[in-house]
Amino acid sequence: MKRMCVLMCVVLAAGTVLAQEEEDVTYETTTTVSGGEDLMSQLWLLEDATPLNTGQVDLRLGLRWMTASAPANLGDSSDDFVLTPSIVWGAHDNLELSLGVDAWLGDGGDKGPFEDGNYNTTVGLLWRFFEQTSTECGDGCLQLPSMALSATAWTPTGCGSSGLDGELRLIMTYEYGNGVRSHFNVFAKSVGSTDYEGVETLSQEARRSFLAGDDRFALDPRHFQYGAVIGGDGPLCADGAVRWVADYQYRSSYYYGRTGVHIAELGWEWDISDACRLGMSFLAGLDHSGDTPNFGASLVYSYSLVY
C-alpha cells in the first residue's frame, strides 16, 4: 500500500504541475476531453468517469496477451490470449451500457473452448452522477472531479460455467486546463463462480493432476476482492488526436494464500477519425505473487456506428 500511496502522490503532483505550466500550444478542451469515445474500460486497468455521448454506439474488438507467474512448485505457465468483442451504447445522458464476450484462445490448450468459463458474457453499466465543476468558477473556488459508478457482471454463459461474479467501482476523473486528466478508481468484487480461472496458470502436468482431483493444485478464489487504480492521460499532439495513458493498480490476490497484486501500465490511444479509434497498452507485474502477469499487451479497435 505504501507504493500505491507514493505513486498516487507523484501522478497527482505531476498533473498539477502540467496544468499550471504556460501553454505553448492551444489544446481543444471541454469539460470532458474524450467526448466519451475513449477505450478506458475495454483497454485499461482504470476506468474514466466519462460515458459515451447519448445515442452513440461503438463496436469494439480487443486482443489481450498476458504471461503469468506460475505458483510455486506447479511448473511453468503458458501465455494467455483473450479475444474480447463488445458493443457499447450511450443509452442516455450520463449513462453507458456495454455487452461483451471473452474468448480465451490459449497457445497450448489453456482454457480452450471446452473448459469452464470460456465465452462468459460481460454486462456493464456506467453512470456519471456528478460532472466536474467549471474551470471558470473563479479564484478560490473548490473544483470537484467528475464522479461515476460502474457495475459489471460476469454471467455464466460459457462452457461448463456456473456462478455469477460482480464488481462495483467508484470512478473519479479530474481534467486540468491543458487537456491532462487524472483518474482514481476504487473497486470491490464479489466472486461466486466455480470456474477456477487460475487453472490456465498451471503446467500441463499440474493441470492434469488438478483435473484428476489432486487437492494440492486446487485454487480457491477469494469470494471478496478489492483494489484501487491511479493514473492519468494527456495529449501527445496539439489537436489531442493521440493521447498517452499511464496507470498503476493495487488489488487483493485472486486466490487465497497469495499476496496482493501490483501492476503498472503504459500506452496510447489514437482517434483515427470521428468513427474510428485505436488503442494499445503494455503492462508489467511489479511482484511475483502468482496472480500477477510478468508482462502483457492489449490492442483495441473501436468503430462507431452512430456518433
C-alpha atoms as a PDB file:
ATOM      1  CA  MET A   1       0.000   0.000   0.000  1.00  0.00           C
ATOM      2  CA  LYS A   2       2.948   2.339   0.596  1.00  0.00           C
ATOM      3  CA  ARG A   3       3.934   2.011  -3.058  1.00  0.00           C
ATOM      4  CA  MET A   4       0.400   2.847  -4.149  1.00  0.00           C
ATOM      5  CA  CYS A   5       0.283   5.960  -1.970  1.00  0.00           C
ATOM      6  CA  VAL A   6       3.658   7.198  -3.243  1.00  0.00           C
ATOM      7  CA  LEU A   7       2.710   6.672  -6.884  1.00  0.00           C
ATOM      8  CA  MET A   8      -0.652   8.358  -6.283  1.00  0.00           C
ATOM      9  CA  CYS A   9       1.048  11.451  -4.951  1.00  0.00           C
ATOM     10  CA  VAL A  10       3.536  11.522  -7.858  1.00  0.00           C
ATOM     11  CA  VAL A  11       0.818  11.236 -10.539  1.00  0.00           C
ATOM     12  CA  LEU A  12      -1.413  13.887  -8.999  1.00  0.00           C
ATOM     13  CA  ALA A  13       1.507  16.244  -8.389  1.00  0.00           C
ATOM     14  CA  ALA A  14       2.728  15.829 -11.970  1.00  0.00           C
ATOM     15  CA  GLY A  15      -0.738  16.553 -13.306  1.00  0.00           C
ATOM     16  CA  THR A  16      -0.993  19.677 -11.200  1.00  0.00           C
ATOM     17  CA  VAL A  17       2.388  20.949 -12.401  1.00  0.00           C
ATOM     18  CA  LEU A  18       1.490  20.322 -16.031  1.00  0.00           C
ATOM     19  CA  ALA A  19      -1.801  22.119 -15.576  1.00  0.00           C
ATOM     20  CA  GLN A  20      -0.076  25.185 -14.138  1.00  0.00           C
ATOM     21  CA  GLU A  21       2.590  25.469 -16.849  1.00  0.00           C
ATOM     22  CA  GLU A  22       2.207  28.113 -19.530  1.00  0.00           C
ATOM     23  CA  GLU A  23       0.886  26.551 -22.697  1.00  0.00           C
ATOM     24  CA  ASP A  24       2.942  26.872 -25.880  1.00  0.00           C
ATOM     25  CA  VAL A  25       0.098  25.440 -27.953  1.00  0.00           C
ATOM     26  CA  THR A  26      -3.666  25.599 -27.718  1.00  0.00           C
ATOM     27  CA  TYR A  27      -5.425  22.328 -26.943  1.00  0.00           C
ATOM     28  CA  GLU A  28      -9.034  21.702 -27.803  1.00  0.00           C
ATOM     29  CA  THR A  29     -10.585  21.049 -24.406  1.00  0.00           C
ATOM     30  CA  THR A  30     -14.065  20.776 -22.994  1.00  0.00           C
ATOM     31  CA  THR A  31     -15.320  19.597 -19.626  1.00  0.00           C
ATOM     32  CA  THR A  32     -14.791  16.062 -20.928  1.00  0.00           C
ATOM     33  CA  VAL A  33     -11.782  15.814 -23.224  1.00  0.00           C
ATOM     34  CA  SER A  34     -12.627  12.472 -24.792  1.00  0.00           C
ATOM     35  CA  GLY A  35     -16.248  13.251 -25.503  1.00  0.00           C
ATOM     36  CA  GLY A  36     -16.931   9.734 -24.259  1.00  0.00           C
ATOM     37  CA  GLU A  37     -15.236   7.755 -27.051  1.00  0.00           C
ATOM     38  CA  ASP A  38     -12.221   6.672 -25.048  1.00  0.00           C
ATOM     39  CA  LEU A  39     -11.376   2.994 -24.626  1.00  0.00           C
ATOM     40  CA  MET A  40     -10.631   3.076 -20.896  1.00  0.00           C
ATOM     41  CA  SER A  41     -12.835   0.253 -19.652  1.00  0.00           C
ATOM     42  CA  GLN A  42     -12.059  -2.087 -22.576  1.00  0.00           C
ATOM     43  CA  LEU A  43      -8.328  -1.434 -22.778  1.00  0.00           C
ATOM     44  CA  TRP A  44      -7.002  -0.222 -19.445  1.00  0.00           C
ATOM     45  CA  LEU A  45      -6.918  -1.282 -15.806  1.00  0.00           C
ATOM     46  CA  LEU A  46      -8.554   2.031 -14.900  1.00  0.00           C
ATOM     47  CA  GLU A  47     -11.916   3.460 -15.909  1.00  0.00           C
ATOM     48  CA  ASP A  48     -12.855   7.020 -16.894  1.00  0.00           C
ATOM     49  CA  ALA A  49     -15.879   8.851 -15.441  1.00  0.00           C
ATOM     50  CA  THR A  50     -16.883   9.986 -18.960  1.00  0.00           C
ATOM     51  CA  PRO A  51     -19.727   7.950 -20.519  1.00  0.00           C
ATOM     52  CA  LEU A  52     -20.393   7.689 -24.236  1.00  0.00           C
ATOM     53  CA  ASN A  53     -22.326  10.505 -25.849  1.00  0.00           C
ATOM     54  CA  THR A  54     -26.087   9.916 -25.833  1.00  0.00           C
ATOM     55  CA  GLY A  55     -27.084   7.717 -28.766  1.00  0.00           C
ATOM     56  CA  GLN A  56     -23.519   6.718 -29.700  1.00  0.00           C
ATOM     57  CA  VAL A  57     -22.989   3.033 -30.493  1.00  0.00           C
ATOM     58  CA  ASP A  58     -19.489   1.526 -30.621  1.00  0.00           C
ATOM     59  CA  LEU A  59     -18.431  -1.880 -31.896  1.00  0.00           C
ATOM     60  CA  ARG A  60     -15.104  -2.853 -30.325  1.00  0.00           C
ATOM     61  CA  LEU A  61     -12.694  -5.720 -30.857  1.00  0.00           C
ATOM     62  CA  GLY A  62      -9.848  -6.297 -28.441  1.00  0.00           C
ATOM     63  CA  LEU A  63      -7.000  -8.778 -28.183  1.00  0.00           C
ATOM     64  CA  ARG A  64      -5.121  -9.247 -24.906  1.00  0.00           C
ATOM     65  CA  TRP A  65      -1.887 -11.193 -24.390  1.00  0.00           C
ATOM     66  CA  MET A  66      -0.526 -11.996 -20.943  1.00  0.00           C
ATOM     67  CA  THR A  67       2.226 -14.064 -19.431  1.00  0.00           C
ATOM     68  CA  ALA A  68       1.626 -15.392 -15.932  1.00  0.00           C
ATOM     69  CA  SER A  69       3.785 -16.162 -12.902  1.00  0.00           C
ATOM     70  CA  ALA A  70       3.346 -19.837 -12.111  1.00  0.00           C
ATOM     71  CA  PRO A  71       2.598 -20.687  -8.472  1.00  0.00           C
ATOM     72  CA  ALA A  72       5.480 -22.235  -6.559  1.00  0.00           C
ATOM     73  CA  ASN A  73       6.206 -25.872  -7.426  1.00  0.00           C
ATOM     74  CA  LEU A  74       3.469 -26.014 -10.058  1.00  0.00           C
ATOM     75  CA  GLY A  75       5.673 -25.713 -13.114  1.00  0.00           C
ATOM     76  CA  ASP A  76       5.870 -23.167 -15.910  1.00  0.00           C
ATOM     77  CA  SER A  77       2.762 -21.413 -17.183  1.00  0.00           C
ATOM     78  CA  SER A  78       1.739 -20.721 -20.764  1.00  0.00           C
ATOM     79  CA  ASP A  79       0.771 -17.379 -22.244  1.00  0.00           C
ATOM     80  CA  ASP A  80      -2.876 -16.351 -22.377  1.00  0.00           C
ATOM     81  CA  PHE A  81      -4.587 -14.858 -25.432  1.00  0.00           C
ATOM     82  CA  VAL A  82      -8.070 -13.414 -24.976  1.00  0.00           C
ATOM     83  CA  LEU A  83     -10.307 -12.041 -27.756  1.00  0.00           C
ATOM     84  CA  THR A  84     -12.862  -9.514 -26.479  1.00  0.00           C
ATOM     85  CA  PRO A  85     -15.614  -8.420 -28.906  1.00  0.00           C
ATOM     86  CA  SER A  86     -18.065  -5.956 -27.328  1.00  0.00           C
ATOM     87  CA  ILE A  87     -20.745  -3.364 -28.052  1.00  0.00           C
ATOM     88  CA  VAL A  88     -21.030  -0.098 -26.078  1.00  0.00           C
ATOM     89  CA  TRP A  89     -24.078   2.200 -26.149  1.00  0.00           C
ATOM     90  CA  GLY A  90     -24.634   5.707 -24.819  1.00  0.00           C
ATOM     91  CA  ALA A  91     -28.135   4.890 -23.601  1.00  0.00           C
ATOM     92  CA  HIS A  92     -28.975   8.253 -22.019  1.00  0.00           C
ATOM     93  CA  ASP A  93     -27.396  11.403 -20.625  1.00  0.00           C
ATOM     94  CA  ASN A  94     -24.578  10.238 -18.317  1.00  0.00           C
ATOM     95  CA  LEU A  95     -25.467   6.547 -18.794  1.00  0.00           C
ATOM     96  CA  GLU A  96     -23.456   3.973 -20.745  1.00  0.00           C
ATOM     97  CA  LEU A  97     -24.265   0.270 -21.259  1.00  0.00           C
ATOM     98  CA  SER A  98     -21.966  -2.435 -22.605  1.00  0.00           C
ATOM     99  CA  LEU A  99     -22.092  -6.109 -23.555  1.00  0.00           C
ATOM    100  CA  GLY A 100     -19.153  -8.370 -24.381  1.00  0.00           C
ATOM    101  CA  VAL A 101     -17.961 -11.968 -24.601  1.00  0.00           C
ATOM    102  CA  ASP A 102     -14.435 -13.051 -23.646  1.00  0.00           C
ATOM    103  CA  ALA A 103     -12.970 -15.851 -25.785  1.00  0.00           C
ATOM    104  CA  TRP A 104      -9.803 -17.472 -24.352  1.00  0.00           C
ATOM    105  CA  LEU A 105      -7.684 -18.663 -27.270  1.00  0.00           C
ATOM    106  CA  GLY A 106      -4.627 -20.013 -25.435  1.00  0.00           C
ATOM    107  CA  ASP A 107      -1.484 -21.274 -27.125  1.00  0.00           C
ATOM    108  CA  GLY A 108      -1.315 -24.838 -25.868  1.00  0.00           C
ATOM    109  CA  GLY A 109      -4.799 -25.776 -24.717  1.00  0.00           C
ATOM    110  CA  ASP A 110      -5.033 -23.121 -21.973  1.00  0.00           C
ATOM    111  CA  LYS A 111      -8.682 -22.518 -21.135  1.00  0.00           C
ATOM    112  CA  GLY A 112      -9.740 -23.780 -24.523  1.00  0.00           C
ATOM    113  CA  PRO A 113     -13.310 -23.821 -25.855  1.00  0.00           C
ATOM    114  CA  PHE A 114     -14.279 -26.924 -23.850  1.00  0.00           C
ATOM    115  CA  GLU A 115     -13.079 -25.683 -20.441  1.00  0.00           C
ATOM    116  CA  ASP A 116     -15.066 -23.935 -17.736  1.00  0.00           C
ATOM    117  CA  GLY A 117     -15.662 -20.208 -18.039  1.00  0.00           C
ATOM    118  CA  ASN A 118     -14.797 -19.665 -21.693  1.00  0.00           C
ATOM    119  CA  TYR A 119     -17.310 -17.438 -23.542  1.00  0.00           C
ATOM    120  CA  ASN A 120     -18.830 -15.986 -20.391  1.00  0.00           C
ATOM    121  CA  THR A 121     -20.840 -12.812 -21.105  1.00  0.00           C
ATOM    122  CA  THR A 122     -19.873  -9.493 -19.518  1.00  0.00           C
ATOM    123  CA  VAL A 123     -22.605  -6.905 -18.888  1.00  0.00           C
ATOM    124  CA  GLY A 124     -21.584  -3.397 -17.812  1.00  0.00           C
ATOM    125  CA  LEU A 125     -23.160  -0.107 -16.748  1.00  0.00           C
ATOM    126  CA  LEU A 126     -21.510   3.285 -16.185  1.00  0.00           C
ATOM    127  CA  TRP A 127     -23.451   6.136 -14.547  1.00  0.00           C
ATOM    128  CA  ARG A 128     -21.888   9.580 -14.114  1.00  0.00           C
ATOM    129  CA  PHE A 129     -23.710  11.182 -11.198  1.00  0.00           C
ATOM    130  CA  PHE A 130     -21.554  14.310 -10.916  1.00  0.00           C
ATOM    131  CA  GLU A 131     -19.790  16.306 -13.637  1.00  0.00           C
ATOM    132  CA  GLN A 132     -16.663  18.343 -12.904  1.00  0.00           C
ATOM    133  CA  THR A 133     -17.390  21.927 -11.935  1.00  0.00           C
ATOM    134  CA  SER A 134     -16.449  24.581 -14.480  1.00  0.00           C
ATOM    135  CA  THR A 135     -12.856  25.828 -14.621  1.00  0.00           C
ATOM    136  CA  GLU A 136     -14.351  29.355 -14.860  1.00  0.00           C
ATOM    137  CA  CYS A 137     -15.800  29.374 -11.360  1.00  0.00           C
ATOM    138  CA  GLY A 138     -13.257  31.947 -10.141  1.00  0.00           C
ATOM    139  CA  ASP A 139     -10.257  32.132  -7.812  1.00  0.00           C
ATOM    140  CA  GLY A 140     -10.577  30.178  -4.602  1.00  0.00           C
ATOM    141  CA  CYS A 141     -13.375  28.026  -5.983  1.00  0.00           C
ATOM    142  CA  LEU A 142     -13.126  24.359  -4.982  1.00  0.00           C
ATOM    143  CA  GLN A 143     -13.355  22.305  -8.165  1.00  0.00           C
ATOM    144  CA  LEU A 144     -14.597  18.778  -7.698  1.00  0.00           C
ATOM    145  CA  PRO A 145     -13.808  15.969 -10.171  1.00  0.00           C
ATOM    146  CA  SER A 146     -16.335  14.124 -12.285  1.00  0.00           C
ATOM    147  CA  MET A 147     -17.611  11.082 -10.409  1.00  0.00           C
ATOM    148  CA  ALA A 148     -19.248   7.925 -11.684  1.00  0.00           C
ATOM    149  CA  LEU A 149     -20.239   4.451 -10.601  1.00  0.00           C
ATOM    150  CA  SER A 150     -19.713   1.413 -12.783  1.00  0.00           C
ATOM    151  CA  ALA A 151     -21.223  -2.012 -12.237  1.00  0.00           C
ATOM    152  CA  THR A 152     -20.065  -5.117 -14.089  1.00  0.00           C
ATOM    153  CA  ALA A 153     -21.459  -8.651 -14.032  1.00  0.00           C
ATOM    154  CA  TRP A 154     -19.841 -11.771 -15.473  1.00  0.00           C
ATOM    155  CA  THR A 155     -22.681 -14.155 -16.329  1.00  0.00           C
ATOM    156  CA  PRO A 156     -22.184 -17.943 -16.614  1.00  0.00           C
ATOM    157  CA  THR A 157     -22.943 -18.379 -20.323  1.00  0.00           C
ATOM    158  CA  GLY A 158     -19.651 -20.140 -21.082  1.00  0.00           C
ATOM    159  CA  CYS A 159     -18.804 -23.794 -21.457  1.00  0.00           C
ATOM    160  CA  GLY A 160     -19.392 -25.610 -18.151  1.00  0.00           C
ATOM    161  CA  SER A 161     -19.625 -22.282 -16.313  1.00  0.00           C
ATOM    162  CA  SER A 162     -21.522 -21.683 -13.080  1.00  0.00           C
ATOM    163  CA  GLY A 163     -21.977 -18.828 -10.625  1.00  0.00           C
ATOM    164  CA  LEU A 164     -22.122 -15.061 -11.074  1.00  0.00           C
ATOM    165  CA  ASP A 165     -19.306 -12.546 -10.480  1.00  0.00           C
ATOM    166  CA  GLY A 166     -19.924  -8.833  -9.973  1.00  0.00           C
ATOM    167  CA  GLU A 167     -17.873  -5.665  -9.476  1.00  0.00           C
ATOM    168  CA  LEU A 168     -18.816  -2.203  -8.226  1.00  0.00           C
ATOM    169  CA  ARG A 169     -16.395   0.680  -8.885  1.00  0.00           C
ATOM    170  CA  LEU A 170     -16.256   4.336  -7.851  1.00  0.00           C
ATOM    171  CA  ILE A 171     -14.511   6.457 -10.517  1.00  0.00           C
ATOM    172  CA  MET A 172     -13.148   9.992 -10.202  1.00  0.00           C
ATOM    173  CA  THR A 173     -11.756  11.944 -13.178  1.00  0.00           C
ATOM    174  CA  TYR A 174     -10.274  15.444 -12.958  1.00  0.00           C
ATOM    175  CA  GLU A 175      -9.438  17.488 -16.067  1.00  0.00           C
ATOM    176  CA  TYR A 176      -6.773  20.184 -15.977  1.00  0.00           C
ATOM    177  CA  GLY A 177      -6.636  23.233 -18.232  1.00  0.00           C
ATOM    178  CA  ASN A 178      -4.182  21.823 -20.776  1.00  0.00           C
ATOM    179  CA  GLY A 179      -6.009  18.585 -21.542  1.00  0.00           C
ATOM    180  CA  VAL A 180      -4.248  16.419 -18.958  1.00  0.00           C
ATOM    181  CA  ARG A 181      -6.576  14.326 -16.805  1.00  0.00           C
ATOM    182  CA  SER A 182      -6.039  12.300 -13.638  1.00  0.00           C
ATOM    183  CA  HIS A 183      -8.134   9.300 -12.606  1.00  0.00           C
ATOM    184  CA  PHE A 184      -8.698   7.432  -9.362  1.00  0.00           C
ATOM    185  CA  ASN A 185     -10.745   4.220  -9.036  1.00  0.00           C
ATOM    186  CA  VAL A 186     -11.630   2.055  -6.052  1.00  0.00           C
ATOM    187  CA  PHE A 187     -13.478  -1.214  -6.551  1.00  0.00           C
ATOM    188  CA  ALA A 188     -14.855  -4.280  -4.813  1.00  0.00           C
ATOM    189  CA  LYS A 189     -15.657  -7.584  -6.494  1.00  0.00           C
ATOM    190  CA  SER A 190     -17.806 -10.497  -5.428  1.00  0.00           C
ATOM    191  CA  VAL A 191     -16.777 -13.877  -6.868  1.00  0.00           C
ATOM    192  CA  GLY A 192     -19.399 -16.588  -6.919  1.00  0.00           C
ATOM    193  CA  SER A 193     -18.202 -18.663  -9.865  1.00  0.00           C
ATOM    194  CA  THR A 194     -16.600 -22.074  -9.582  1.00  0.00           C
ATOM    195  CA  ASP A 195     -14.718 -21.895 -12.862  1.00  0.00           C
ATOM    196  CA  TYR A 196     -11.257 -21.933 -11.256  1.00  0.00           C
ATOM    197  CA  GLU A 197      -9.966 -19.228 -13.558  1.00  0.00           C
ATOM    198  CA  GLY A 198      -6.399 -19.884 -12.467  1.00  0.00           C
ATOM    199  CA  VAL A 199      -6.200 -23.403 -13.887  1.00  0.00           C
ATOM    200  CA  GLU A 200      -4.591 -21.970 -17.024  1.00  0.00           C
ATOM    201  CA  THR A 201      -1.626 -20.768 -14.929  1.00  0.00           C
ATOM    202  CA  LEU A 202      -0.575 -24.360 -14.188  1.00  0.00           C
ATOM    203  CA  SER A 203       1.805 -26.509 -16.193  1.00  0.00           C
ATOM    204  CA  GLN A 204       0.204 -29.206 -18.330  1.00  0.00           C
ATOM    205  CA  GLU A 205       1.247 -31.886 -15.845  1.00  0.00           C
ATOM    206  CA  ALA A 206      -0.153 -29.925 -12.883  1.00  0.00           C
ATOM    207  CA  ARG A 207      -3.393 -29.257 -14.749  1.00  0.00           C
ATOM    208  CA  ARG A 208      -3.890 -32.953 -15.424  1.00  0.00           C
ATOM    209  CA  SER A 209      -3.337 -33.682 -11.732  1.00  0.00           C
ATOM    210  CA  PHE A 210      -5.757 -30.925 -10.753  1.00  0.00           C
ATOM    211  CA  LEU A 211      -8.469 -32.176 -13.098  1.00  0.00           C
ATOM    212  CA  ALA A 212      -7.911 -35.686 -11.722  1.00  0.00           C
ATOM    213  CA  GLY A 213      -8.812 -34.397  -8.265  1.00  0.00           C
ATOM    214  CA  ASP A 214      -5.404 -33.726  -6.698  1.00  0.00           C
ATOM    215  CA  ASP A 215      -6.124 -31.165  -3.924  1.00  0.00           C
ATOM    216  CA  ARG A 216      -2.535 -29.873  -3.976  1.00  0.00           C
ATOM    217  CA  PHE A 217      -3.426 -27.925  -7.099  1.00  0.00           C
ATOM    218  CA  ALA A 218      -6.810 -26.571  -6.018  1.00  0.00           C
ATOM    219  CA  LEU A 219      -7.077 -22.807  -6.497  1.00  0.00           C
ATOM    220  CA  ASP A 220      -9.753 -21.343  -4.238  1.00  0.00           C
ATOM    221  CA  PRO A 221     -10.876 -17.875  -5.470  1.00  0.00           C
ATOM    222  CA  ARG A 222     -11.394 -15.129  -2.906  1.00  0.00           C
ATOM    223  CA  HIS A 223     -15.124 -14.504  -2.650  1.00  0.00           C
ATOM    224  CA  PHE A 224     -14.487 -10.810  -1.852  1.00  0.00           C
ATOM    225  CA  GLN A 225     -11.767  -8.922  -3.741  1.00  0.00           C
ATOM    226  CA  TYR A 226     -10.866  -5.230  -3.715  1.00  0.00           C
ATOM    227  CA  GLY A 227      -8.360  -2.766  -5.116  1.00  0.00           C
ATOM    228  CA  ALA A 228      -7.565   0.730  -6.383  1.00  0.00           C
ATOM    229  CA  VAL A 229      -6.147   2.268  -9.570  1.00  0.00           C
ATOM    230  CA  ILE A 230      -4.432   5.652 -10.023  1.00  0.00           C
ATOM    231  CA  GLY A 231      -3.472   7.063 -13.404  1.00  0.00           C
ATOM    232  CA  GLY A 232      -3.656   9.819 -15.965  1.00  0.00           C
ATOM    233  CA  ASP A 233      -3.833  10.636 -19.665  1.00  0.00           C
ATOM    234  CA  GLY A 234      -2.985  13.628 -21.825  1.00  0.00           C
ATOM    235  CA  PRO A 235      -2.456  14.850 -25.395  1.00  0.00           C
ATOM    236  CA  LEU A 236       0.634  13.966 -27.407  1.00  0.00           C
ATOM    237  CA  CYS A 237      -0.194  16.419 -30.204  1.00  0.00           C
ATOM    238  CA  ALA A 238      -1.833  19.840 -30.498  1.00  0.00           C
ATOM    239  CA  ASP A 239      -5.266  18.590 -31.585  1.00  0.00           C
ATOM    240  CA  GLY A 240      -5.358  15.838 -28.945  1.00  0.00           C
ATOM    241  CA  ALA A 241      -5.956  13.081 -31.525  1.00  0.00           C
ATOM    242  CA  VAL A 242      -3.218  10.960 -29.926  1.00  0.00           C
ATOM    243  CA  ARG A 243      -3.125  10.649 -26.135  1.00  0.00           C
ATOM    244  CA  TRP A 244      -0.795   8.915 -23.682  1.00  0.00           C
ATOM    245  CA  VAL A 245      -2.226   6.863 -20.829  1.00  0.00           C
ATOM    246  CA  ALA A 246      -0.459   5.548 -17.710  1.00  0.00           C
ATOM    247  CA  ASP A 247      -1.777   3.843 -14.583  1.00  0.00           C
ATOM    248  CA  TYR A 248      -0.891   1.736 -11.544  1.00  0.00           C
ATOM    249  CA  GLN A 249      -3.121  -0.850  -9.867  1.00  0.00           C
ATOM    250  CA  TYR A 250      -3.029  -2.496  -6.463  1.00  0.00           C
ATOM    251  CA  ARG A 251      -5.539  -5.245  -5.768  1.00  0.00           C
ATOM    252  CA  SER A 252      -6.003  -8.213  -3.474  1.00  0.00           C
ATOM    253  CA  SER A 253      -4.930 -11.585  -4.819  1.00  0.00           C
ATOM    254  CA  TYR A 254      -7.353 -13.594  -6.941  1.00  0.00           C
ATOM    255  CA  TYR A 255      -6.847 -16.680  -4.788  1.00  0.00           C
ATOM    256  CA  TYR A 256      -6.469 -17.332  -1.077  1.00  0.00           C
ATOM    257  CA  GLY A 257      -2.944 -17.801   0.209  1.00  0.00           C
ATOM    258  CA  ARG A 258      -1.268 -15.293  -2.108  1.00  0.00           C
ATOM    259  CA  THR A 259      -0.078 -11.709  -1.662  1.00  0.00           C
ATOM    260  CA  GLY A 260      -1.555  -8.564  -3.211  1.00  0.00           C
ATOM    261  CA  VAL A 261      -1.044  -7.694  -6.884  1.00  0.00           C
ATOM    262  CA  HIS A 262       0.898  -4.636  -8.160  1.00  0.00           C
ATOM    263  CA  ILE A 263       0.718  -3.814 -11.893  1.00  0.00           C
ATOM    264  CA  ALA A 264       1.917  -0.795 -13.933  1.00  0.00           C
ATOM    265  CA  GLU A 265       0.540   0.046 -17.392  1.00  0.00           C
ATOM    266  CA  LEU A 266       1.503   2.466 -20.193  1.00  0.00           C
ATOM    267  CA  GLY A 267       0.246   3.099 -23.720  1.00  0.00           C
ATOM    268  CA  TRP A 268      -1.625   5.348 -26.115  1.00  0.00           C
ATOM    269  CA  GLU A 269      -4.972   5.992 -27.839  1.00  0.00           C
ATOM    270  CA  TRP A 270      -5.394   7.397 -31.354  1.00  0.00           C
ATOM    271  CA  ASP A 271      -8.532   8.983 -32.836  1.00  0.00           C
ATOM    272  CA  ILE A 272      -8.070   7.939 -36.462  1.00  0.00           C
ATOM    273  CA  SER A 273     -11.339   9.626 -37.494  1.00  0.00           C
ATOM    274  CA  ASP A 274     -14.662  10.619 -35.980  1.00  0.00           C
ATOM    275  CA  ALA A 275     -15.779   6.982 -36.129  1.00  0.00           C
ATOM    276  CA  CYS A 276     -12.535   5.038 -35.629  1.00  0.00           C
ATOM    277  CA  ARG A 277     -10.240   4.762 -32.634  1.00  0.00           C
ATOM    278  CA  LEU A 278      -7.252   2.528 -31.930  1.00  0.00           C
ATOM    279  CA  GLY A 279      -5.544   1.944 -28.610  1.00  0.00           C
ATOM    280  CA  MET A 280      -2.641  -0.123 -27.311  1.00  0.00           C
ATOM    281  CA  SER A 281      -1.398  -0.793 -23.797  1.00  0.00           C
ATOM    282  CA  PHE A 282       1.594  -2.558 -22.248  1.00  0.00           C
ATOM    283  CA  LEU A 283       1.604  -3.803 -18.664  1.00  0.00           C
ATOM    284  CA  ALA A 284       4.180  -5.272 -16.314  1.00  0.00           C
ATOM    285  CA  GLY A 285       3.819  -7.040 -12.988  1.00  0.00           C
ATOM    286  CA  LEU A 286       5.756  -5.418 -10.156  1.00  0.00           C
ATOM    287  CA  ASP A 287       5.792  -8.508  -7.943  1.00  0.00           C
ATOM    288  CA  HIS A 288       5.738 -12.303  -8.190  1.00  0.00           C
ATOM    289  CA  SER A 289       2.573 -13.101  -6.280  1.00  0.00           C
ATOM    290  CA  GLY A 290       1.492 -15.884  -8.637  1.00  0.00           C
ATOM    291  CA  ASP A 291      -1.554 -13.849  -9.710  1.00  0.00           C
ATOM    292  CA  THR A 292       0.470 -11.135 -11.459  1.00  0.00           C
ATOM    293  CA  PRO A 293       1.284 -11.292 -15.187  1.00  0.00           C
ATOM    294  CA  ASN A 294       5.001 -10.755 -15.828  1.00  0.00           C
ATOM    295  CA  PHE A 295       4.197  -8.839 -18.998  1.00  0.00           C
ATOM    296  CA  GLY A 296       1.180  -8.191 -21.155  1.00  0.00           C
ATOM    297  CA  ALA A 297      -0.144  -6.185 -24.079  1.00  0.00           C
ATOM    298  CA  SER A 298      -3.603  -5.251 -25.343  1.00  0.00           C
ATOM    299  CA  LEU A 299      -4.887  -3.856 -28.623  1.00  0.00           C
ATOM    300  CA  VAL A 300      -8.432  -2.490 -29.096  1.00  0.00           C
ATOM    301  CA  TYR A 301     -10.073  -1.141 -32.261  1.00  0.00           C
ATOM    302  CA  SER A 302     -13.381   0.749 -31.980  1.00  0.00           C
ATOM    303  CA  TYR A 303     -15.789   1.685 -34.766  1.00  0.00           C
ATOM    304  CA  SER A 304     -18.750   3.964 -34.035  1.00  0.00           C
ATOM    305  CA  LEU A 305     -21.932   3.019 -35.899  1.00  0.00           C
ATOM    306  CA  VAL A 306     -23.629   6.156 -34.538  1.00  0.00           C
ATOM    307  CA  TYR A 307     -21.737   9.176 -33.167  1.00  0.00           C
END
